[in-house]
């Protein structure tokens, strides 16, 4: 798609651009799947969703949703609880934790 004259207006246009692009098949499938999945989650057809980040961004960020899902999974004992400092107690991790403790870039 010519970025100057034929800028994608909807995710449907983006989908066509991806499907006709000269890119690796795996990359093409992954991008196509991402577009379709985002639209499915939003309950919209790609042709109706503006190709603008602000139009696609959900009310709550994905990170917030994922964080809340993890909290719910912990509450239901599906995943282990977060235990701050637990790596320092583990004999396999303790030496590494001590080694990086003084370096704020790594801890």
Protein backbone atom coordinates (compact mmCIF):
# COMPACT_ATOMS: atom_id res chain seq x y z
CA UNK A 1 0.00 0.00 0.00
CA UNK A 2 1.35 3.41 -0.95
CA UNK A 3 1.76 5.21 2.36
CA UNK A 4 1.28 8.65 0.81
CA UNK A 5 -1.80 8.26 -1.39
CA UNK A 6 -3.59 5.12 -0.23
CA UNK A 7 -3.24 5.23 3.52
CA UNK A 8 -5.35 2.54 5.16
CA UNK A 9 -8.55 4.01 6.54
CA UNK A 10 -9.84 0.91 8.36
CA UNK A 11 -8.44 -2.32 9.74
CA UNK A 12 -10.10 -3.95 6.72
CA UNK A 13 -7.70 -1.94 4.53
CA UNK A 14 -4.81 -2.96 6.76
CA UNK A 15 -5.90 -6.59 6.44
CA UNK A 16 -5.83 -6.33 2.63
CA UNK A 17 -2.40 -4.67 2.78
CA UNK A 18 -1.05 -7.49 4.95
CA UNK A 19 -2.59 -10.22 2.81
CA UNK A 20 -1.13 -8.77 -0.39
CA UNK A 21 2.26 -7.78 1.05
CA UNK A 22 5.46 -9.50 0.02
CA UNK A 23 6.28 -10.81 3.50
CA UNK A 24 6.99 -14.23 4.97
CA UNK A 25 3.89 -16.44 5.19
CA UNK A 26 4.32 -16.89 8.94
CA UNK A 27 4.47 -13.13 9.47
CA UNK A 28 1.45 -12.67 7.20
CA UNK A 29 -0.58 -15.25 9.16
CA UNK A 30 0.43 -13.71 12.49
CA UNK A 31 -0.55 -10.18 11.43
CA UNK A 32 -3.82 -11.37 9.87
CA UNK A 33 -4.66 -13.31 13.02
CA UNK A 34 -3.86 -10.30 15.24
CA UNK A 35 -6.14 -7.99 13.25
CA UNK A 36 -8.99 -10.49 13.20
CA UNK A 37 -8.62 -11.34 16.88
CA UNK A 38 -8.58 -7.69 18.00
CA UNK A 39 -11.72 -7.04 15.96
CA UNK A 40 -13.38 -10.18 17.30
CA UNK A 41 -12.62 -9.13 20.88
CA UNK A 42 -14.05 -5.68 20.15
CA UNK A 43 -17.14 -7.19 18.51
CA UNK A 44 -16.50 -5.30 15.28
CA UNK A 45 -15.72 -6.13 11.66
CA UNK A 46 -12.30 -4.98 10.39
CA UNK A 47 -13.96 -2.78 7.76
CA UNK A 48 -15.71 -0.79 10.51
CA UNK A 49 -12.70 -0.11 12.74
CA UNK A 50 -10.69 3.02 11.90
CA UNK A 51 -7.00 2.30 11.39
CA UNK A 52 -6.00 4.64 14.21
CA UNK A 53 -4.33 3.68 17.46
CA UNK A 54 -6.81 5.75 19.47
CA UNK A 55 -9.75 3.92 17.90
CA UNK A 56 -8.23 0.52 18.62
CA UNK A 57 -7.08 1.17 22.18
CA UNK A 58 -9.48 -0.40 24.64
CA UNK A 59 -10.91 1.59 27.52
CA UNK A 60 -8.54 -0.21 29.87
CA UNK A 61 -5.11 -1.11 28.68
CA UNK A 62 -4.29 -4.73 27.90
CA UNK A 63 -1.71 -4.65 30.68
CA UNK A 64 -4.37 -3.68 33.23
CA UNK A 65 -6.72 -6.39 31.99
CA UNK A 66 -3.98 -8.99 32.09
CA UNK A 67 -2.96 -7.88 35.57
CA UNK A 68 -6.52 -8.22 36.81
CA UNK A 69 -6.87 -11.62 35.16
CA UNK A 70 -3.70 -12.81 36.91
CA UNK A 71 -5.06 -11.50 40.22
CA UNK A 72 -8.27 -13.44 39.66
CA UNK A 73 -6.32 -16.58 38.77
CA UNK A 74 -4.28 -16.21 41.97
CA UNK A 75 -7.46 -15.71 43.98
CA UNK A 76 -8.88 -18.94 42.55
CA UNK A 77 -5.58 -20.77 43.27
CA UNK A 78 -5.02 -21.41 39.57
CA UNK A 79 -1.57 -19.80 39.65
CA UNK A 80 0.88 -19.33 42.50
CA UNK A 81 0.71 -16.11 44.51
CA UNK A 82 3.33 -13.43 44.03
CA UNK A 83 5.85 -13.71 46.81
CA UNK A 84 8.18 -10.69 46.76
CA UNK A 85 11.69 -11.73 47.72
CA UNK A 86 11.03 -15.42 47.15
CA UNK A 87 13.85 -15.69 44.59
CA UNK A 88 16.35 -14.62 47.26
CA UNK A 89 15.19 -17.54 49.41
CA UNK A 90 15.65 -20.08 46.62
CA UNK A 91 19.12 -21.71 46.77
CA UNK A 92 19.38 -21.74 42.98
CA UNK A 93 18.53 -18.04 42.59
CA UNK A 94 20.02 -16.54 45.75
CA UNK A 95 23.58 -16.04 44.38
CA UNK A 96 22.26 -14.20 41.31
CA UNK A 97 19.91 -12.05 43.38
CA UNK A 98 22.80 -11.06 45.66
CA UNK A 99 25.07 -10.36 42.65
CA UNK A 100 22.65 -7.87 41.09
CA UNK A 101 21.25 -6.37 44.30
CA UNK A 102 23.55 -3.34 44.19
CA UNK A 103 22.95 -2.55 40.52
CA UNK A 104 19.66 -0.65 40.13
CA UNK A 105 19.67 -1.36 36.38
CA UNK A 106 19.41 -5.09 37.06
CA UNK A 107 17.34 -5.37 40.21
